[in-house]
PDB file of N, CA and C in Angstrom:
ATOM      1  N   MET A   1     107.772  99.560 146.749  1.00  0.00           N
ATOM      2  CA  MET A   1     107.311 100.260 145.579  1.00  0.00           C
ATOM      3  C   MET A   1     108.373 100.248 144.475  1.00  0.00           C
ATOM      4  N   SER A   2     109.635 100.374 144.865  1.00  0.00           N
ATOM      5  CA  SER A   2     110.689 100.406 143.859  1.00  0.00           C
ATOM      6  C   SER A   2     110.797  99.078 143.112  1.00  0.00           C
ATOM      7  N   ARG A   3     110.448  97.983 143.755  1.00  0.00           N
ATOM      8  CA  ARG A   3     110.455  96.682 143.068  1.00  0.00           C
ATOM      9  C   ARG A   3     109.423  96.671 141.949  1.00  0.00           C
ATOM     10  N   PHE A   4     108.294  97.294 142.205  1.00  0.00           N
ATOM     11  CA  PHE A   4     107.250  97.375 141.185  1.00  0.00           C
ATOM     12  C   PHE A   4     107.765  98.119 139.952  1.00  0.00           C
ATOM     13  N   PHE A   5     108.366  99.287 140.173  1.00  0.00           N
ATOM     14  CA  PHE A   5     108.887 100.073 139.052  1.00  0.00           C
ATOM     15  C   PHE A   5     110.015  99.340 138.330  1.00  0.00           C
ATOM     16  N   LEU A   6     110.826  98.649 139.072  1.00  0.00           N
ATOM     17  CA  LEU A   6     111.895  97.868 138.462  1.00  0.00           C
ATOM     18  C   LEU A   6     111.302  96.768 137.586  1.00  0.00           C
ATOM     19  N   ALA A   7     110.267  96.104 138.072  1.00  0.00           N
ATOM     20  CA  ALA A   7     109.611  95.045 137.303  1.00  0.00           C
ATOM     21  C   ALA A   7     108.985  95.605 136.027  1.00  0.00           C
ATOM     22  N   VAL A   8     108.337  96.757 136.135  1.00  0.00           N
ATOM     23  CA  VAL A   8     107.734  97.395 134.961  1.00  0.00           C
ATOM     24  C   VAL A   8     108.812  97.779 133.959  1.00  0.00           C
ATOM     25  N   PHE A   9     109.885  98.394 134.436  1.00  0.00           N
ATOM     26  CA  PHE A   9     110.973  98.790 133.556  1.00  0.00           C
ATOM     27  C   PHE A   9     111.574  97.579 132.850  1.00  0.00           C
ATOM     28  N   CYS A  10     111.827  96.513 133.581  1.00  0.00           N
ATOM     29  CA  CYS A  10     112.397  95.298 132.988  1.00  0.00           C
ATOM     30  C   CYS A  10     111.460  94.705 131.946  1.00  0.00           C
ATOM     31  N   SER A  11     110.163  94.704 132.241  1.00  0.00           N
ATOM     32  CA  SER A  11     109.188  94.176 131.291  1.00  0.00           C
ATOM     33  C   SER A  11     109.194  94.984 130.002  1.00  0.00           C
ATOM     34  N   LEU A  12     109.216  96.298 130.121  1.00  0.00           N
ATOM     35  CA  LEU A  12     109.248  97.148 128.935  1.00  0.00           C
ATOM     36  C   LEU A  12     110.530  96.953 128.148  1.00  0.00           C
ATOM     37  N   PHE A  13     111.643  96.785 128.846  1.00  0.00           N
ATOM     38  CA  PHE A  13     112.925  96.558 128.192  1.00  0.00           C
ATOM     39  C   PHE A  13     112.898  95.253 127.396  1.00  0.00           C
ATOM     40  N   VAL A  14     112.412  94.192 128.012  1.00  0.00           N
ATOM     41  CA  VAL A  14     112.321  92.892 127.339  1.00  0.00           C
ATOM     42  C   VAL A  14     111.370  92.973 126.165  1.00  0.00           C
ATOM     43  N   PHE A  15     110.231  93.664 126.342  1.00  0.00           N
ATOM     44  CA  PHE A  15     109.265  93.838 125.266  1.00  0.00           C
ATOM     45  C   PHE A  15     109.908  94.539 124.074  1.00  0.00           C
ATOM     46  N   THR A  16     110.677  95.594 124.340  1.00  0.00           N
ATOM     47  CA  THR A  16     111.353  96.336 123.277  1.00  0.00           C
ATOM     48  C   THR A  16     112.362  95.455 122.559  1.00  0.00           C
ATOM     49  N   LEU A  17     113.121  94.673 123.298  1.00  0.00           N
ATOM     50  CA  LEU A  17     114.079  93.752 122.670  1.00  0.00           C
ATOM     51  C   LEU A  17     113.362  92.720 121.826  1.00  0.00           C
ATOM     52  N   SER A  18     112.245  92.206 122.301  1.00  0.00           N
ATOM     53  CA  SER A  18     111.491  91.202 121.550  1.00  0.00           C
ATOM     54  C   SER A  18     111.043  91.766 120.210  1.00  0.00           C
ATOM     55  N   PHE A  19     110.535  93.002 120.199  1.00  0.00           N
ATOM     56  CA  PHE A  19     110.105  93.606 118.950  1.00  0.00           C
ATOM     57  C   PHE A  19     111.294  93.865 118.043  1.00  0.00           C
ATOM     58  N   SER A  20     112.417  94.271 118.603  1.00  0.00           N
ATOM     59  CA  SER A  20     113.603  94.509 117.782  1.00  0.00           C
ATOM     60  C   SER A  20     114.047  93.228 117.098  1.00  0.00           C
ATOM     61  N   ASP A  21     114.035  92.127 117.830  1.00  0.00           N
ATOM     62  CA  ASP A  21     114.394  90.835 117.242  1.00  0.00           C
ATOM     63  C   ASP A  21     113.396  90.433 116.170  1.00  0.00           C
ATOM     64  N   ALA A  22     112.108  90.641 116.436  1.00  0.00           N
ATOM     65  CA  ALA A  22     111.069  90.263 115.479  1.00  0.00           C
ATOM     66  C   ALA A  22     111.181  91.087 114.200  1.00  0.00           C
ATOM     67  N   LEU A  23     111.532  92.351 114.318  1.00  0.00           N
ATOM     68  CA  LEU A  23     111.620  93.218 113.151  1.00  0.00           C
ATOM     69  C   LEU A  23     112.777  92.853 112.239  1.00  0.00           C
ATOM     70  N   ALA A  24     113.782  92.211 112.770  1.00  0.00           N
ATOM     71  CA  ALA A  24     114.946  91.831 111.967  1.00  0.00           C
ATOM     72  C   ALA A  24     114.573  90.868 110.836  1.00  0.00           C
ATOM     73  N   ALA A  25     113.455  90.177 110.975  1.00  0.00           N
ATOM     74  CA  ALA A  25     113.030  89.200 109.972  1.00  0.00           C
ATOM     75  C   ALA A  25     112.348  89.855 108.767  1.00  0.00           C
ATOM     76  N   TYR A  26     112.129  91.163 108.805  1.00  0.00           N
ATOM     77  CA  TYR A  26     111.385  91.845 107.753  1.00  0.00           C
ATOM     78  C   TYR A  26     112.275  92.779 106.946  1.00  0.00           C
ATOM     79  N   ASP A  27     111.833  93.074 105.723  1.00  0.00           N
ATOM     80  CA  ASP A  27     112.537  93.989 104.825  1.00  0.00           C
ATOM     81  C   ASP A  27     111.917  95.378 104.998  1.00  0.00           C
ATOM     82  N   LEU A  28     112.537  96.198 105.824  1.00  0.00           N
ATOM     83  CA  LEU A  28     111.984  97.506 106.126  1.00  0.00           C
ATOM     84  C   LEU A  28     112.014  98.450 104.925  1.00  0.00           C
ATOM     85  N   ASN A  29     112.964  98.278 104.010  1.00  0.00           N
ATOM     86  CA  ASN A  29     112.991  99.101 102.802  1.00  0.00           C
ATOM     87  C   ASN A  29     111.773  98.803 101.929  1.00  0.00           C
ATOM     88  N   ASN A  30     111.456  97.506 101.773  1.00  0.00           N
ATOM     89  CA  ASN A  30     110.260  97.119 101.041  1.00  0.00           C
ATOM     90  C   ASN A  30     109.018  97.617 101.779  1.00  0.00           C
ATOM     91  N   GLY A  31     109.051  97.532 103.115  1.00  0.00           N
ATOM     92  CA  GLY A  31     107.932  98.002 103.916  1.00  0.00           C
ATOM     93  C   GLY A  31     107.673  99.485 103.720  1.00  0.00           C
ATOM     94  N   LYS A  32     108.737 100.277 103.624  1.00  0.00           N
ATOM     95  CA  LYS A  32     108.572 101.714 103.383  1.00  0.00           C
ATOM     96  C   LYS A  32     107.948 101.954 102.017  1.00  0.00           C
ATOM     97  N   ALA A  33     108.378 101.201 101.011  1.00  0.00           N
ATOM     98  CA  ALA A  33     107.820 101.366  99.665  1.00  0.00           C
ATOM     99  C   ALA A  33     106.317 101.066  99.664  1.00  0.00           C
ATOM    100  N   VAL A  34     105.909 100.016 100.360  1.00  0.00           N
ATOM    101  CA  VAL A  34     104.486  99.668 100.455  1.00  0.00           C
ATOM    102  C   VAL A  34     103.749 100.748 101.247  1.00  0.00           C
ATOM    103  N   TYR A  35     104.339 101.176 102.358  1.00  0.00           N
ATOM    104  CA  TYR A  35     103.747 102.246 103.168  1.00  0.00           C
ATOM    105  C   TYR A  35     103.505 103.480 102.305  1.00  0.00           C
ATOM    106  N   ASP A  36     104.510 103.866 101.522  1.00  0.00           N
ATOM    107  CA  ASP A  36     104.406 105.057 100.684  1.00  0.00           C
ATOM    108  C   ASP A  36     103.336 104.923  99.597  1.00  0.00           C
ATOM    109  N   LYS A  37     103.058 103.693  99.150  1.00  0.00           N
ATOM    110  CA  LYS A  37     102.061 103.477  98.101  1.00  0.00           C
ATOM    111  C   LYS A  37     100.638 103.387  98.637  1.00  0.00           C
ATOM    112  N   ALA A  38     100.464 102.858  99.841  1.00  0.00           N
ATOM    113  CA  ALA A  38      99.098 102.604 100.309  1.00  0.00           C
ATOM    114  C   ALA A  38      98.823 103.113 101.718  1.00  0.00           C
ATOM    115  N   CYS A  39      99.696 102.837 102.642  1.00  0.00           N
ATOM    116  CA  CYS A  39      99.431 103.087 104.062  1.00  0.00           C
ATOM    117  C   CYS A  39      99.451 104.563 104.428  1.00  0.00           C
ATOM    118  N   VAL A  40     100.301 105.324 103.735  1.00  0.00           N
ATOM    119  CA  VAL A  40     100.504 106.733 104.055  1.00  0.00           C
ATOM    120  C   VAL A  40      99.204 107.529 103.989  1.00  0.00           C
ATOM    121  N   VAL A  41      98.298 107.141 103.127  1.00  0.00           N
ATOM    122  CA  VAL A  41      97.044 107.877 102.953  1.00  0.00           C
ATOM    123  C   VAL A  41      96.328 108.054 104.293  1.00  0.00           C
ATOM    124  N   CYS A  42      96.271 107.003 105.093  1.00  0.00           N
ATOM    125  CA  CYS A  42      95.577 107.078 106.383  1.00  0.00           C
ATOM    126  C   CYS A  42      96.525 107.290 107.554  1.00  0.00           C
ATOM    127  N   HIS A  43      97.659 106.607 107.531  1.00  0.00           N
ATOM    128  CA  HIS A  43      98.550 106.629 108.698  1.00  0.00           C
ATOM    129  C   HIS A  43      99.400 107.897 108.824  1.00  0.00           C
ATOM    130  N   LYS A  44      99.408 108.749 107.816  1.00  0.00           N
ATOM    131  CA  LYS A  44     100.108 110.029 107.940  1.00  0.00           C
ATOM    132  C   LYS A  44      99.206 111.071 108.597  1.00  0.00           C
ATOM    133  N   THR A  45      97.917 111.031 108.256  1.00  0.00           N
ATOM    134  CA  THR A  45      96.986 112.063 108.706  1.00  0.00           C
ATOM    135  C   THR A  45      96.129 111.640 109.892  1.00  0.00           C
ATOM    136  N   GLY A  46      96.017 110.341 110.138  1.00  0.00           N
ATOM    137  CA  GLY A  46      95.128 109.865 111.196  1.00  0.00           C
ATOM    138  C   GLY A  46      93.684 109.791 110.727  1.00  0.00           C
ATOM    139  N   MET A  47      93.484 109.749 109.416  1.00  0.00           N
ATOM    140  CA  MET A  47      92.147 109.725 108.840  1.00  0.00           C
ATOM    141  C   MET A  47      91.280 108.633 109.475  1.00  0.00           C
ATOM    142  N   GLY A  48      90.105 109.004 109.889  1.00  0.00           N
ATOM    143  CA  GLY A  48      89.149 108.037 110.411  1.00  0.00           C
ATOM    144  C   GLY A  48      89.582 107.351 111.696  1.00  0.00           C
ATOM    145  N   GLY A  49      90.439 107.986 112.476  1.00  0.00           N
ATOM    146  CA  GLY A  49      90.873 107.385 113.729  1.00  0.00           C
ATOM    147  C   GLY A  49      92.076 106.462 113.606  1.00  0.00           C
ATOM    148  N   THR A  50      92.702 106.451 112.434  1.00  0.00           N
ATOM    149  CA  THR A  50      93.874 105.622 112.204  1.00  0.00           C
ATOM    150  C   THR A  50      95.055 106.142 113.031  1.00  0.00           C
ATOM    151  N   PRO A  51      95.799 105.252 113.688  1.00  0.00           N
ATOM    152  CA  PRO A  51      96.976 105.724 114.429  1.00  0.00           C
ATOM    153  C   PRO A  51      98.055 106.217 113.458  1.00  0.00           C
ATOM    154  N   LYS A  52      98.572 107.410 113.724  1.00  0.00           N
ATOM    155  CA  LYS A  52      99.585 107.999 112.853  1.00  0.00           C
ATOM    156  C   LYS A  52     100.937 107.314 113.043  1.00  0.00           C
ATOM    157  N   LEU A  53     101.684 107.243 111.963  1.00  0.00           N
ATOM    158  CA  LEU A  53     103.054 106.739 112.014  1.00  0.00           C
ATOM    159  C   LEU A  53     103.843 107.585 113.002  1.00  0.00           C
ATOM    160  N   GLY A  54     104.498 106.938 113.950  1.00  0.00           N
ATOM    161  CA  GLY A  54     105.326 107.637 114.918  1.00  0.00           C
ATOM    162  C   GLY A  54     104.613 108.068 116.189  1.00  0.00           C
ATOM    163  N   ASP A  55     103.295 107.912 116.246  1.00  0.00           N
ATOM    164  CA  ASP A  55     102.533 108.300 117.436  1.00  0.00           C
ATOM    165  C   ASP A  55     102.627 107.173 118.470  1.00  0.00           C
ATOM    166  N   LYS A  56     103.627 107.277 119.321  1.00  0.00           N
ATOM    167  CA  LYS A  56     103.929 106.210 120.284  1.00  0.00           C
ATOM    168  C   LYS A  56     102.749 105.914 121.212  1.00  0.00           C
ATOM    169  N   ALA A  57     102.046 106.937 121.645  1.00  0.00           N
ATOM    170  CA  ALA A  57     100.912 106.734 122.554  1.00  0.00           C
ATOM    171  C   ALA A  57      99.785 105.965 121.876  1.00  0.00           C
ATOM    172  N   ALA A  58      99.510 106.283 120.627  1.00  0.00           N
ATOM    173  CA  ALA A  58      98.439 105.592 119.900  1.00  0.00           C
ATOM    174  C   ALA A  58      98.825 104.151 119.568  1.00  0.00           C
ATOM    175  N   TRP A  59     100.108 103.915 119.308  1.00  0.00           N
ATOM    176  CA  TRP A  59     100.560 102.581 118.926  1.00  0.00           C
ATOM    177  C   TRP A  59     100.836 101.666 120.113  1.00  0.00           C
ATOM    178  N   ALA A  60     101.112 102.219 121.281  1.00  0.00           N
ATOM    179  CA  ALA A  60     101.489 101.400 122.443  1.00  0.00           C
ATOM    180  C   ALA A  60     100.520 100.253 122.725  1.00  0.00           C
ATOM    181  N   PRO A  61      99.210 100.487 122.816  1.00  0.00           N
ATOM    182  CA  PRO A  61      98.315  99.357 123.090  1.00  0.00           C
ATOM    183  C   PRO A  61      98.240  98.369 121.928  1.00  0.00           C
ATOM    184  N   ARG A  62      98.445  98.847 120.740  1.00  0.00           N
ATOM    185  CA  ARG A  62      98.414  97.953 119.572  1.00  0.00           C
ATOM    186  C   ARG A  62      99.656  97.057 119.540  1.00  0.00           C
ATOM    187  N   LEU A  63     100.793  97.623 119.914  1.00  0.00           N
ATOM    188  CA  LEU A  63     102.037  96.861 119.897  1.00  0.00           C
ATOM    189  C   LEU A  63     102.011  95.702 120.885  1.00  0.00           C
ATOM    190  N   THR A  64     101.240  95.839 121.960  1.00  0.00           N
ATOM    191  CA  THR A  64     101.155  94.743 122.932  1.00  0.00           C
ATOM    192  C   THR A  64     100.470  93.515 122.342  1.00  0.00           C
ATOM    193  N   GLN A  65      99.772  93.678 121.229  1.00  0.00           N
ATOM    194  CA  GLN A  65      99.094  92.557 120.573  1.00  0.00           C
ATOM    195  C   GLN A  65     100.083  91.631 119.860  1.00  0.00           C
ATOM    196  N   GLY A  66     101.261  92.139 119.556  1.00  0.00           N
ATOM    197  CA  GLY A  66     102.273  91.336 118.880  1.00  0.00           C
ATOM    198  C   GLY A  66     102.200  91.471 117.368  1.00  0.00           C
ATOM    199  N   MET A  67     103.322  91.181 116.730  1.00  0.00           N
ATOM    200  CA  MET A  67     103.438  91.312 115.276  1.00  0.00           C
ATOM    201  C   MET A  67     102.465  90.421 114.520  1.00  0.00           C
ATOM    202  N   ASP A  68     102.321  89.170 114.952  1.00  0.00           N
ATOM    203  CA  ASP A  68     101.458  88.244 114.209  1.00  0.00           C
ATOM    204  C   ASP A  68     100.036  88.773 114.088  1.00  0.00           C
ATOM    205  N   LEU A  69      99.483  89.287 115.187  1.00  0.00           N
ATOM    206  CA  LEU A  69      98.113  89.799 115.149  1.00  0.00           C
ATOM    207  C   LEU A  69      98.022  91.099 114.358  1.00  0.00           C
ATOM    208  N   LEU A  70      99.011  91.979 114.508  1.00  0.00           N
ATOM    209  CA  LEU A  70      99.009  93.213 113.727  1.00  0.00           C
ATOM    210  C   LEU A  70      99.057  92.919 112.228  1.00  0.00           C
ATOM    211  N   ILE A  71      99.881  91.973 111.853  1.00  0.00           N
ATOM    212  CA  ILE A  71      99.992  91.599 110.439  1.00  0.00           C
ATOM    213  C   ILE A  71      98.697  90.958 109.958  1.00  0.00           C
ATOM    214  N   SER A  72      98.136  90.065 110.752  1.00  0.00           N
ATOM    215  CA  SER A  72      96.888  89.396 110.378  1.00  0.00           C
ATOM    216  C   SER A  72      95.769  90.405 110.147  1.00  0.00           C
ATOM    217  N   LYS A  73      95.631  91.369 111.051  1.00  0.00           N
ATOM    218  CA  LYS A  73      94.594  92.391 110.904  1.00  0.00           C
ATOM    219  C   LYS A  73      94.841  93.253 109.669  1.00  0.00           C
ATOM    220  N   SER A  74      96.103  93.488 109.352  1.00  0.00           N
ATOM    221  CA  SER A  74      96.436  94.306 108.188  1.00  0.00           C
ATOM    222  C   SER A  74      96.165  93.561 106.889  1.00  0.00           C
ATOM    223  N   ILE A  75      96.353  92.272 106.905  1.00  0.00           N
ATOM    224  CA  ILE A  75      96.099  91.458 105.707  1.00  0.00           C
ATOM    225  C   ILE A  75      94.602  91.242 105.507  1.00  0.00           C
ATOM    226  N   LYS A  76      93.909  90.866 106.564  1.00  0.00           N
ATOM    227  CA  LYS A  76      92.484  90.513 106.472  1.00  0.00           C
ATOM    228  C   LYS A  76      91.554  91.708 106.590  1.00  0.00           C
ATOM    229  N   GLY A  77      92.041  92.785 107.198  1.00  0.00           N
ATOM    230  CA  GLY A  77      91.201  93.937 107.471  1.00  0.00           C
ATOM    231  C   GLY A  77      90.669  93.859 108.895  1.00  0.00           C
ATOM    232  N   PHE A  78      90.244  95.015 109.408  1.00  0.00           N
ATOM    233  CA  PHE A  78      89.815  95.073 110.799  1.00  0.00           C
ATOM    234  C   PHE A  78      88.968  96.304 111.032  1.00  0.00           C
ATOM    235  N   GLN A  79      87.873  96.145 111.762  1.00  0.00           N
ATOM    236  CA  GLN A  79      87.037  97.275 112.175  1.00  0.00           C
ATOM    237  C   GLN A  79      87.255  97.476 113.661  1.00  0.00           C
ATOM    238  N   GLY A  80      87.904  98.574 114.035  1.00  0.00           N
ATOM    239  CA  GLY A  80      88.179  98.866 115.431  1.00  0.00           C
ATOM    240  C   GLY A  80      87.174  99.843 116.014  1.00  0.00           C
ATOM    241  N   LYS A  81      87.397 100.230 117.258  1.00  0.00           N
ATOM    242  CA  LYS A  81      86.510 101.189 117.926  1.00  0.00           C
ATOM    243  C   LYS A  81      86.618 102.574 117.310  1.00  0.00           C
ATOM    244  N   THR A  82      87.806 102.911 116.824  1.00  0.00           N
ATOM    245  CA  THR A  82      88.014 104.273 116.319  1.00  0.00           C
ATOM    246  C   THR A  82      88.321 104.339 114.832  1.00  0.00           C
ATOM    247  N   GLY A  83      88.379 103.226 114.157  1.00  0.00           N
ATOM    248  CA  GLY A  83      88.718 103.307 112.742  1.00  0.00           C
ATOM    249  C   GLY A  83      88.595 101.978 112.024  1.00  0.00           C
ATOM    250  N   LEU A  84      88.901 102.018 110.760  1.00  0.00           N
ATOM    251  CA  LEU A  84      88.787 100.856 109.890  1.00  0.00           C
ATOM    252  C   LEU A  84      90.124 100.597 109.214  1.00  0.00           C
ATOM    253  N   MET A  85      90.551  99.340 109.222  1.00  0.00           N
ATOM    254  CA  MET A  85      91.745  98.935 108.486  1.00  0.00           C
ATOM    255  C   MET A  85      91.256  98.059 107.345  1.00  0.00           C
ATOM    256  N   PRO A  86      91.242  98.582 106.106  1.00  0.00           N
ATOM    257  CA  PRO A  86      90.809  97.738 104.994  1.00  0.00           C
ATOM    258  C   PRO A  86      91.837  96.638 104.724  1.00  0.00           C
ATOM    259  N   ALA A  87      91.379  95.527 104.233  1.00  0.00           N
ATOM    260  CA  ALA A  87      92.289  94.421 103.902  1.00  0.00           C
ATOM    261  C   ALA A  87      93.392  94.937 102.985  1.00  0.00           C
ATOM    262  N   LYS A  88      94.620  94.651 103.374  1.00  0.00           N
ATOM    263  CA  LYS A  88      95.816  95.036 102.619  1.00  0.00           C
ATOM    264  C   LYS A  88      95.835  96.522 102.280  1.00  0.00           C
ATOM    265  N   GLY A  89      95.319  97.325 103.189  1.00  0.00           N
ATOM    266  CA  GLY A  89      95.326  98.768 102.984  1.00  0.00           C
ATOM    267  C   GLY A  89      94.505  99.211 101.791  1.00  0.00           C
ATOM    268  N   GLY A  90      93.593  98.343 101.351  1.00  0.00           N
ATOM    269  CA  GLY A  90      92.759  98.672 100.203  1.00  0.00           C
ATOM    270  C   GLY A  90      93.397  98.319  98.870  1.00  0.00           C
ATOM    271  N   ASN A  91      94.588  97.746  98.888  1.00  0.00           N
ATOM    272  CA  ASN A  91      95.277  97.361  97.652  1.00  0.00           C
ATOM    273  C   ASN A  91      95.538  95.861  97.695  1.00  0.00           C
ATOM    274  N   LEU A  92      94.628  95.092  97.137  1.00  0.00           N
ATOM    275  CA  LEU A  92      94.717  93.632  97.206  1.00  0.00           C
ATOM    276  C   LEU A  92      95.815  93.046  96.328  1.00  0.00           C
ATOM    277  N   GLU A  93      96.507  93.888  95.568  1.00  0.00           N
ATOM    278  CA  GLU A  93      97.619  93.407  94.745  1.00  0.00           C
ATOM    279  C   GLU A  93      98.874  93.131  95.571  1.00  0.00           C
ATOM    280  N   PHE A  94      98.947  93.718  96.772  1.00  0.00           N
ATOM    281  CA  PHE A  94     100.106  93.463  97.626  1.00  0.00           C
ATOM    282  C   PHE A  94     100.080  92.027  98.130  1.00  0.00           C
ATOM    283  N   THR A  95     101.258  91.436  98.234  1.00  0.00           N
ATOM    284  CA  THR A  95     101.357  90.089  98.807  1.00  0.00           C
ATOM    285  C   THR A  95     101.299  90.197 100.328  1.00  0.00           C
ATOM    286  N   ASP A  96     101.052  89.069 100.968  1.00  0.00           N
ATOM    287  CA  ASP A  96     101.062  89.046 102.429  1.00  0.00           C
ATOM    288  C   ASP A  96     102.429  89.464 102.966  1.00  0.00           C
ATOM    289  N   ALA A  97     103.490  89.050 102.296  1.00  0.00           N
ATOM    290  CA  ALA A  97     104.847  89.414 102.725  1.00  0.00           C
ATOM    291  C   ALA A  97     105.066  90.919 102.633  1.00  0.00           C
ATOM    292  N   GLN A  98     104.557  91.547 101.591  1.00  0.00           N
ATOM    293  CA  GLN A  98     104.702  92.995 101.453  1.00  0.00           C
ATOM    294  C   GLN A  98     103.949  93.724 102.573  1.00  0.00           C
ATOM    295  N   ILE A  99     102.768  93.234 102.898  1.00  0.00           N
ATOM    296  CA  ILE A  99     101.996  93.838 103.986  1.00  0.00           C
ATOM    297  C   ILE A  99     102.734  93.645 105.307  1.00  0.00           C
ATOM    298  N   ALA A 100     103.282  92.463 105.520  1.00  0.00           N
ATOM    299  CA  ALA A 100     104.048  92.204 106.745  1.00  0.00           C
ATOM    300  C   ALA A 100     105.229  93.164 106.852  1.00  0.00           C
ATOM    301  N   ASN A 101     105.905  93.405 105.737  1.00  0.00           N
ATOM    302  CA  ASN A 101     107.022  94.347 105.729  1.00  0.00           C
ATOM    303  C   ASN A 101     106.563  95.764 106.060  1.00  0.00           C
ATOM    304  N   SER A 102     105.400  96.146 105.545  1.00  0.00           N
ATOM    305  CA  SER A 102     104.901  97.500 105.830  1.00  0.00           C
ATOM    306  C   SER A 102     104.509  97.636 107.302  1.00  0.00           C
ATOM    307  N   VAL A 103     103.931  96.587 107.878  1.00  0.00           N
ATOM    308  CA  VAL A 103     103.607  96.610 109.306  1.00  0.00           C
ATOM    309  C   VAL A 103     104.894  96.751 110.120  1.00  0.00           C
ATOM    310  N   ALA A 104     105.912  96.007 109.744  1.00  0.00           N
ATOM    311  CA  ALA A 104     107.205  96.094 110.450  1.00  0.00           C
ATOM    312  C   ALA A 104     107.780  97.506 110.334  1.00  0.00           C
ATOM    313  N   TYR A 105     107.654  98.106 109.169  1.00  0.00           N
ATOM    314  CA  TYR A 105     108.141  99.482 108.979  1.00  0.00           C
ATOM    315  C   TYR A 105     107.399 100.440 109.917  1.00  0.00           C
ATOM    316  N   ILE A 106     106.080 100.326 109.965  1.00  0.00           N
ATOM    317  CA  ILE A 106     105.269 101.189 110.826  1.00  0.00           C
ATOM    318  C   ILE A 106     105.631 100.971 112.287  1.00  0.00           C
ATOM    319  N   VAL A 107     105.756  99.709 112.694  1.00  0.00           N
ATOM    320  CA  VAL A 107     106.109  99.394 114.089  1.00  0.00           C
ATOM    321  C   VAL A 107     107.483  99.984 114.433  1.00  0.00           C
ATOM    322  N   GLU A 108     108.443  99.817 113.543  1.00  0.00           N
ATOM    323  CA  GLU A 108     109.793 100.342 113.778  1.00  0.00           C
ATOM    324  C   GLU A 108     109.775 101.844 114.030  1.00  0.00           C
ATOM    325  N   HIS A 109     108.897 102.562 113.355  1.00  0.00           N
ATOM    326  CA  HIS A 109     108.848 104.009 113.480  1.00  0.00           C
ATOM    327  C   HIS A 109     107.806 104.497 114.490  1.00  0.00           C
ATOM    328  N   SER A 110     107.180 103.567 115.203  1.00  0.00           N
ATOM    329  CA  SER A 110     106.126 103.954 116.136  1.00  0.00           C
ATOM    330  C   SER A 110     106.292 103.372 117.533  1.00  0.00           C
ATOM    331  N   LYS A 111     107.401 102.713 117.781  1.00  0.00           N
ATOM    332  CA  LYS A 111     107.587 102.120 119.103  1.00  0.00           C
ATOM    333  C   LYS A 111     108.372 103.031 120.026  1.00  0.00           C
TER     334      LYS A 111
END
């Protein structure tokens, strides 16, 4: 049984390191600015089933999807079981890079 727990712990550790490495490629300061302009409306309150910033339990299954898919859904929009993610947070003036930075900011504060 202890081998199982060791394997789970190691997997989670590697997963955390992978996300840390992936986040280094993004501008988290720019991501916060984008979050504050658009994302905060839903992700601060949980409006419509949106996972709140910092809610580790709500974000855990989403984080397993990986950054590329999270960013893609944020850029293109997504209808989930519990909520709606409008394309680019409803502000189509943001660039894909700005949205990617905001996703990285949210992930950094929710893992």
